[in-house]
């Protein structure tokens, strides 16, 4: 039996995946989450065999959730199921420890095959994603050594960045992360300095480009 957790902020996506996967006699959905922070909590409780997870989610994005889950449940295999084909999303996911990357638009029953592949210890990428990765490494060799902007930030700074651009106040962020408002303000000033950004609209634009949040 392969135990699975579904993580997506859209209920309709989780419902569709559950219906599809529960048709497999050896698949069992044991947990669901609608954001990255909840995914980390559920993973710590269940440590499923496989997690199928979106990237762009509120509270905590899929990339940072993936990094935390890797520490909590190192044996769990993680498949990113995303609408994003841009190379920065794909490379970030793979560097964070994703075992698979599928596109929502073309996945369908491919998710079933991907789950079986990653559970066997292999990696699985949609064909379009394979093409993207090959293009990046063959056509742009400098990306192998170039440090992505988000890598300048600590995990805590990335968390605060996401919550800031989602419109949460320092007091609200402090409550979510169990730290003081003054500490939040310090982190915010530091991360903006590291990124060379001085205003909120530019910060929001940066976060969207990096896949930390979306406009919906």
C-alpha atoms as a PDB file:
ATOM      1  CA  UNK A   1       0.000   0.000   0.000  1.00  0.00           C
ATOM      2  CA  UNK A   2       1.327   3.440  -0.988  1.00  0.00           C
ATOM      3  CA  UNK A   3       0.223   6.170   1.425  1.00  0.00           C
ATOM      4  CA  UNK A   4      -0.273   9.628  -0.102  1.00  0.00           C
ATOM      5  CA  UNK A   5      -0.826  13.204   1.045  1.00  0.00           C
ATOM      6  CA  UNK A   6      -2.384  15.824  -1.248  1.00  0.00           C
ATOM      7  CA  UNK A   7      -1.414  19.488  -0.875  1.00  0.00           C
ATOM      8  CA  UNK A   8      -3.117  22.246  -2.870  1.00  0.00           C
ATOM      9  CA  UNK A   9      -4.918  25.442  -1.901  1.00  0.00           C
ATOM     10  CA  UNK A  10      -7.703  24.694  -4.409  1.00  0.00           C
ATOM     11  CA  UNK A  11     -10.250  22.210  -3.059  1.00  0.00           C
ATOM     12  CA  UNK A  12     -11.378  21.233  -6.549  1.00  0.00           C
ATOM     13  CA  UNK A  13      -7.826  20.123  -7.426  1.00  0.00           C
ATOM     14  CA  UNK A  14      -7.538  17.975  -4.312  1.00  0.00           C
ATOM     15  CA  UNK A  15     -10.988  16.484  -4.914  1.00  0.00           C
ATOM     16  CA  UNK A  16     -10.084  15.567  -8.486  1.00  0.00           C
ATOM     17  CA  UNK A  17      -6.800  14.006  -7.474  1.00  0.00           C
ATOM     18  CA  UNK A  18      -8.435  12.044  -4.676  1.00  0.00           C
ATOM     19  CA  UNK A  19     -11.068  10.597  -7.021  1.00  0.00           C
ATOM     20  CA  UNK A  20      -8.393   9.637  -9.532  1.00  0.00           C
ATOM     21  CA  UNK A  21      -5.949   8.107  -7.074  1.00  0.00           C
ATOM     22  CA  UNK A  22      -8.493   6.252  -4.962  1.00  0.00           C
ATOM     23  CA  UNK A  23      -9.318   4.156  -8.040  1.00  0.00           C
ATOM     24  CA  UNK A  24      -5.948   2.475  -7.545  1.00  0.00           C
ATOM     25  CA  UNK A  25      -6.318  -0.437  -5.090  1.00  0.00           C
ATOM     26  CA  UNK A  26      -2.831   0.049  -3.667  1.00  0.00           C
ATOM     27  CA  UNK A  27      -3.111   3.823  -3.117  1.00  0.00           C
ATOM     28  CA  UNK A  28      -4.447   5.303   0.128  1.00  0.00           C
ATOM     29  CA  UNK A  29      -4.946   9.030   0.767  1.00  0.00           C
ATOM     30  CA  UNK A  30      -4.080   9.541   4.426  1.00  0.00           C
ATOM     31  CA  UNK A  31      -3.855  13.348   4.647  1.00  0.00           C
ATOM     32  CA  UNK A  32      -4.627  16.601   2.850  1.00  0.00           C
ATOM     33  CA  UNK A  33      -3.512  20.198   3.329  1.00  0.00           C
ATOM     34  CA  UNK A  34      -4.464  23.508   1.723  1.00  0.00           C
ATOM     35  CA  UNK A  35      -1.225  25.437   2.318  1.00  0.00           C
ATOM     36  CA  UNK A  36       2.451  24.798   2.898  1.00  0.00           C
ATOM     37  CA  UNK A  37       2.389  25.368   6.652  1.00  0.00           C
ATOM     38  CA  UNK A  38      -0.420  22.873   7.107  1.00  0.00           C
ATOM     39  CA  UNK A  39       1.440  20.443   4.831  1.00  0.00           C
ATOM     40  CA  UNK A  40       4.489  20.519   7.109  1.00  0.00           C
ATOM     41  CA  UNK A  41       2.284  19.860  10.147  1.00  0.00           C
ATOM     42  CA  UNK A  42       0.441  16.972   8.454  1.00  0.00           C
ATOM     43  CA  UNK A  43       3.688  15.478   7.185  1.00  0.00           C
ATOM     44  CA  UNK A  44       5.157  15.494  10.694  1.00  0.00           C
ATOM     45  CA  UNK A  45       2.087  13.568  11.889  1.00  0.00           C
ATOM     46  CA  UNK A  46       1.874  10.999   9.092  1.00  0.00           C
ATOM     47  CA  UNK A  47       5.136  10.859   7.062  1.00  0.00           C
ATOM     48  CA  UNK A  48       3.363   9.447   3.973  1.00  0.00           C
ATOM     49  CA  UNK A  49       5.174   7.508   1.291  1.00  0.00           C
ATOM     50  CA  UNK A  50       4.429  10.187  -1.337  1.00  0.00           C
ATOM     51  CA  UNK A  51       3.295  13.820  -1.224  1.00  0.00           C
ATOM     52  CA  UNK A  52       1.738  15.478  -4.288  1.00  0.00           C
ATOM     53  CA  UNK A  53       2.091  19.221  -3.758  1.00  0.00           C
ATOM     54  CA  UNK A  54       1.492  22.549  -5.465  1.00  0.00           C
ATOM     55  CA  UNK A  55       4.088  25.342  -5.408  1.00  0.00           C
ATOM     56  CA  UNK A  56       2.121  28.603  -5.152  1.00  0.00           C
ATOM     57  CA  UNK A  57       0.127  28.428  -1.909  1.00  0.00           C
ATOM     58  CA  UNK A  58      -0.685  30.870   0.927  1.00  0.00           C
ATOM     59  CA  UNK A  59       1.007  30.937   4.346  1.00  0.00           C
ATOM     60  CA  UNK A  60       4.039  28.946   3.163  1.00  0.00           C
ATOM     61  CA  UNK A  61       4.870  28.168  -0.469  1.00  0.00           C
ATOM     62  CA  UNK A  62       5.506  24.649  -1.697  1.00  0.00           C
ATOM     63  CA  UNK A  63       9.257  25.122  -2.147  1.00  0.00           C
ATOM     64  CA  UNK A  64       9.913  26.128   1.454  1.00  0.00           C
ATOM     65  CA  UNK A  65       7.410  23.543   2.709  1.00  0.00           C
ATOM     66  CA  UNK A  66       9.311  20.922   0.708  1.00  0.00           C
ATOM     67  CA  UNK A  67      12.599  21.920   2.335  1.00  0.00           C
ATOM     68  CA  UNK A  68      11.073  21.521   5.802  1.00  0.00           C
ATOM     69  CA  UNK A  69       9.397  18.222   4.959  1.00  0.00           C
ATOM     70  CA  UNK A  70      12.725  16.862   3.722  1.00  0.00           C
ATOM     71  CA  UNK A  71      14.109  17.283   7.259  1.00  0.00           C
ATOM     72  CA  UNK A  72      11.019  15.908   8.990  1.00  0.00           C
ATOM     73  CA  UNK A  73      10.384  12.916   6.729  1.00  0.00           C
ATOM     74  CA  UNK A  74      13.528  12.217   4.689  1.00  0.00           C
ATOM     75  CA  UNK A  75      12.113   8.983   3.254  1.00  0.00           C
ATOM     76  CA  UNK A  76       8.954  10.651   1.898  1.00  0.00           C
ATOM     77  CA  UNK A  77       8.949  11.169  -1.866  1.00  0.00           C
ATOM     78  CA  UNK A  78       7.580  14.504  -3.094  1.00  0.00           C
ATOM     79  CA  UNK A  79       6.021  15.270  -6.475  1.00  0.00           C
ATOM     80  CA  UNK A  80       5.412  18.899  -7.375  1.00  0.00           C
ATOM     81  CA  UNK A  81       2.192  19.359  -9.342  1.00  0.00           C
ATOM     82  CA  UNK A  82       2.205  22.878 -10.747  1.00  0.00           C
ATOM     83  CA  UNK A  83       0.863  25.107 -13.494  1.00  0.00           C
ATOM     84  CA  UNK A  84       4.299  26.712 -13.868  1.00  0.00           C
ATOM     85  CA  UNK A  85       6.681  25.677 -16.658  1.00  0.00           C
ATOM     86  CA  UNK A  86       9.281  28.450 -16.218  1.00  0.00           C
ATOM     87  CA  UNK A  87      12.762  27.147 -15.479  1.00  0.00           C
ATOM     88  CA  UNK A  88      13.141  29.064 -12.206  1.00  0.00           C
ATOM     89  CA  UNK A  89      10.179  27.187 -10.680  1.00  0.00           C
ATOM     90  CA  UNK A  90      11.451  23.816 -11.892  1.00  0.00           C
ATOM     91  CA  UNK A  91      15.059  24.332 -10.779  1.00  0.00           C
ATOM     92  CA  UNK A  92      14.004  25.657  -7.360  1.00  0.00           C
ATOM     93  CA  UNK A  93      11.775  22.624  -6.825  1.00  0.00           C
ATOM     94  CA  UNK A  94      14.489  20.154  -7.804  1.00  0.00           C
ATOM     95  CA  UNK A  95      17.109  21.918  -5.695  1.00  0.00           C
ATOM     96  CA  UNK A  96      14.718  21.848  -2.725  1.00  0.00           C
ATOM     97  CA  UNK A  97      14.507  18.072  -3.068  1.00  0.00           C
ATOM     98  CA  UNK A  98      11.512  17.320  -5.300  1.00  0.00           C
ATOM     99  CA  UNK A  99      11.492  13.786  -6.695  1.00  0.00           C
ATOM    100  CA  UNK A 100       9.075  14.644  -9.486  1.00  0.00           C
ATOM    101  CA  UNK A 101       7.578  17.631 -11.302  1.00  0.00           C
ATOM    102  CA  UNK A 102       4.288  17.423 -13.199  1.00  0.00           C
ATOM    103  CA  UNK A 103       2.202  20.031 -14.975  1.00  0.00           C
ATOM    104  CA  UNK A 104      -1.408  20.398 -13.887  1.00  0.00           C
ATOM    105  CA  UNK A 105      -2.528  21.038 -17.452  1.00  0.00           C
ATOM    106  CA  UNK A 106      -1.225  17.725 -18.773  1.00  0.00           C
ATOM    107  CA  UNK A 107      -0.996  15.457 -15.716  1.00  0.00           C
ATOM    108  CA  UNK A 108      -4.210  13.378 -15.608  1.00  0.00           C
ATOM    109  CA  UNK A 109      -3.398   9.713 -15.178  1.00  0.00           C
ATOM    110  CA  UNK A 110       0.299  10.592 -15.482  1.00  0.00           C
ATOM    111  CA  UNK A 111       0.127  11.332 -11.746  1.00  0.00           C
ATOM    112  CA  UNK A 112      -0.531   7.622 -11.101  1.00  0.00           C
ATOM    113  CA  UNK A 113       2.543   6.586 -13.075  1.00  0.00           C
ATOM    114  CA  UNK A 114       4.671   9.297 -11.468  1.00  0.00           C
ATOM    115  CA  UNK A 115       3.727   8.159  -7.966  1.00  0.00           C
ATOM    116  CA  UNK A 116       4.769   4.600  -8.755  1.00  0.00           C
ATOM    117  CA  UNK A 117       8.046   5.768 -10.301  1.00  0.00           C
ATOM    118  CA  UNK A 118       9.127   8.003  -7.406  1.00  0.00           C
ATOM    119  CA  UNK A 119       8.042   5.402  -4.860  1.00  0.00           C
ATOM    120  CA  UNK A 120      10.440   2.974  -6.557  1.00  0.00           C
ATOM    121  CA  UNK A 121      13.288   5.411  -5.856  1.00  0.00           C
ATOM    122  CA  UNK A 122      13.505   7.105  -9.256  1.00  0.00           C
ATOM    123  CA  UNK A 123      12.714  10.648 -10.389  1.00  0.00           C
ATOM    124  CA  UNK A 124       9.890  11.602 -12.719  1.00  0.00           C
ATOM    125  CA  UNK A 125       9.512  14.755 -14.814  1.00  0.00           C
ATOM    126  CA  UNK A 126       6.829  15.627 -17.354  1.00  0.00           C
ATOM    127  CA  UNK A 127       8.284  15.669 -20.868  1.00  0.00           C
ATOM    128  CA  UNK A 128       7.882  19.438 -21.149  1.00  0.00           C
ATOM    129  CA  UNK A 129       9.778  19.818 -17.885  1.00  0.00           C
ATOM    130  CA  UNK A 130      12.555  17.543 -19.154  1.00  0.00           C
ATOM    131  CA  UNK A 131      12.860  19.832 -22.181  1.00  0.00           C
ATOM    132  CA  UNK A 132      12.981  22.888 -19.890  1.00  0.00           C
ATOM    133  CA  UNK A 133      15.725  21.439 -17.701  1.00  0.00           C
ATOM    134  CA  UNK A 134      17.803  20.376 -20.723  1.00  0.00           C
ATOM    135  CA  UNK A 135      17.424  23.817 -22.309  1.00  0.00           C
ATOM    136  CA  UNK A 136      18.577  25.527 -19.120  1.00  0.00           C
ATOM    137  CA  UNK A 137      21.671  23.388 -18.659  1.00  0.00           C
ATOM    138  CA  UNK A 138      22.685  23.235 -22.313  1.00  0.00           C
ATOM    139  CA  UNK A 139      21.667  26.698 -23.459  1.00  0.00           C
ATOM    140  CA  UNK A 140      22.472  28.648 -20.306  1.00  0.00           C
ATOM    141  CA  UNK A 141      25.467  27.002 -18.591  1.00  0.00           C
ATOM    142  CA  UNK A 142      25.910  30.012 -16.327  1.00  0.00           C
ATOM    143  CA  UNK A 143      22.823  28.981 -14.350  1.00  0.00           C
ATOM    144  CA  UNK A 144      24.870  26.183 -12.818  1.00  0.00           C
ATOM    145  CA  UNK A 145      26.913  28.676 -10.817  1.00  0.00           C
ATOM    146  CA  UNK A 146      24.560  31.667 -10.675  1.00  0.00           C
ATOM    147  CA  UNK A 147      23.009  32.074  -7.225  1.00  0.00           C
ATOM    148  CA  UNK A 148      19.234  32.661  -7.439  1.00  0.00           C
ATOM    149  CA  UNK A 149      18.014  35.793  -5.581  1.00  0.00           C
ATOM    150  CA  UNK A 150      16.005  33.753  -3.073  1.00  0.00           C
ATOM    151  CA  UNK A 151      19.149  31.888  -2.038  1.00  0.00           C
ATOM    152  CA  UNK A 152      20.386  35.126  -0.489  1.00  0.00           C
ATOM    153  CA  UNK A 153      17.631  34.812   2.105  1.00  0.00           C
ATOM    154  CA  UNK A 154      17.460  32.514   5.102  1.00  0.00           C
ATOM    155  CA  UNK A 155      14.455  30.141   5.439  1.00  0.00           C
ATOM    156  CA  UNK A 156      12.932  32.483   8.052  1.00  0.00           C
ATOM    157  CA  UNK A 157      13.396  35.503   5.784  1.00  0.00           C
ATOM    158  CA  UNK A 158      11.640  33.658   2.929  1.00  0.00           C
ATOM    159  CA  UNK A 159       8.727  32.842   5.225  1.00  0.00           C
ATOM    160  CA  UNK A 160       8.397  36.471   6.302  1.00  0.00           C
ATOM    161  CA  UNK A 161       8.737  37.685   2.717  1.00  0.00           C
ATOM    162  CA  UNK A 162       5.787  35.543   1.659  1.00  0.00           C
ATOM    163  CA  UNK A 163       3.613  36.643   4.568  1.00  0.00           C
ATOM    164  CA  UNK A 164       4.480  40.319   3.992  1.00  0.00           C
ATOM    165  CA  UNK A 165       3.515  40.251   0.310  1.00  0.00           C
ATOM    166  CA  UNK A 166       0.296  38.422   1.216  1.00  0.00           C
ATOM    167  CA  UNK A 167      -0.684  41.534   3.145  1.00  0.00           C
ATOM    168  CA  UNK A 168      -0.156  40.409   6.731  1.00  0.00           C
ATOM    169  CA  UNK A 169       0.897  42.972   9.341  1.00  0.00           C
ATOM    170  CA  UNK A 170       3.941  42.579  11.572  1.00  0.00           C
ATOM    171  CA  UNK A 171       1.647  41.627  14.456  1.00  0.00           C
ATOM    172  CA  UNK A 172      -0.102  38.957  12.376  1.00  0.00           C
ATOM    173  CA  UNK A 173       3.204  37.529  11.156  1.00  0.00           C
ATOM    174  CA  UNK A 174       4.539  37.498  14.707  1.00  0.00           C
ATOM    175  CA  UNK A 175       1.503  35.484  15.805  1.00  0.00           C
ATOM    176  CA  UNK A 176       1.930  32.939  12.981  1.00  0.00           C
ATOM    177  CA  UNK A 177       5.662  32.460  13.562  1.00  0.00           C
ATOM    178  CA  UNK A 178       5.675  32.836  17.367  1.00  0.00           C
ATOM    179  CA  UNK A 179       8.144  35.707  17.385  1.00  0.00           C
ATOM    180  CA  UNK A 180       7.874  39.397  18.354  1.00  0.00           C
ATOM    181  CA  UNK A 181       6.704  42.170  16.039  1.00  0.00           C
ATOM    182  CA  UNK A 182      10.075  43.887  16.450  1.00  0.00           C
ATOM    183  CA  UNK A 183      11.812  40.716  15.262  1.00  0.00           C
ATOM    184  CA  UNK A 184       9.513  40.613  12.230  1.00  0.00           C
ATOM    185  CA  UNK A 185      10.400  44.234  11.387  1.00  0.00           C
ATOM    186  CA  UNK A 186      14.106  43.416  11.704  1.00  0.00           C
ATOM    187  CA  UNK A 187      13.785  40.436   9.359  1.00  0.00           C
ATOM    188  CA  UNK A 188      11.768  42.495   6.869  1.00  0.00           C
ATOM    189  CA  UNK A 189      14.355  45.286   6.766  1.00  0.00           C
ATOM    190  CA  UNK A 190      17.165  42.763   6.401  1.00  0.00           C
ATOM    191  CA  UNK A 191      15.575  40.792   3.569  1.00  0.00           C
ATOM    192  CA  UNK A 192      14.700  43.946   1.620  1.00  0.00           C
ATOM    193  CA  UNK A 193      18.283  45.120   1.998  1.00  0.00           C
ATOM    194  CA  UNK A 194      19.629  41.772   0.778  1.00  0.00           C
ATOM    195  CA  UNK A 195      17.339  41.918  -2.273  1.00  0.00           C
ATOM    196  CA  UNK A 196      18.045  45.579  -2.988  1.00  0.00           C
ATOM    197  CA  UNK A 197      14.326  46.379  -2.803  1.00  0.00           C
ATOM    198  CA  UNK A 198      12.998  49.459  -1.037  1.00  0.00           C
ATOM    199  CA  UNK A 199       9.220  49.411  -1.566  1.00  0.00           C
ATOM    200  CA  UNK A 200       6.337  46.961  -1.183  1.00  0.00           C
ATOM    201  CA  UNK A 201       5.062  46.958  -4.829  1.00  0.00           C
ATOM    202  CA  UNK A 202       8.521  45.917  -6.075  1.00  0.00           C
ATOM    203  CA  UNK A 203       8.707  43.301  -3.322  1.00  0.00           C
ATOM    204  CA  UNK A 204       5.332  41.865  -4.379  1.00  0.00           C
ATOM    205  CA  UNK A 205       6.422  41.752  -8.021  1.00  0.00           C
ATOM    206  CA  UNK A 206       9.627  39.949  -7.020  1.00  0.00           C
ATOM    207  CA  UNK A 207       7.726  37.394  -4.907  1.00  0.00           C
ATOM    208  CA  UNK A 208       5.364  36.596  -7.795  1.00  0.00           C
ATOM    209  CA  UNK A 209       8.256  36.195 -10.236  1.00  0.00           C
ATOM    210  CA  UNK A 210       9.972  33.814  -7.820  1.00  0.00           C
ATOM    211  CA  UNK A 211       6.839  31.739  -7.280  1.00  0.00           C
ATOM    212  CA  UNK A 212       6.398  32.606  -3.607  1.00  0.00           C
ATOM    213  CA  UNK A 213       2.877  33.890  -4.133  1.00  0.00           C
ATOM    214  CA  UNK A 214       0.321  34.533  -6.860  1.00  0.00           C
ATOM    215  CA  UNK A 215      -2.248  37.194  -7.664  1.00  0.00           C
ATOM    216  CA  UNK A 216      -5.192  34.869  -6.967  1.00  0.00           C
END
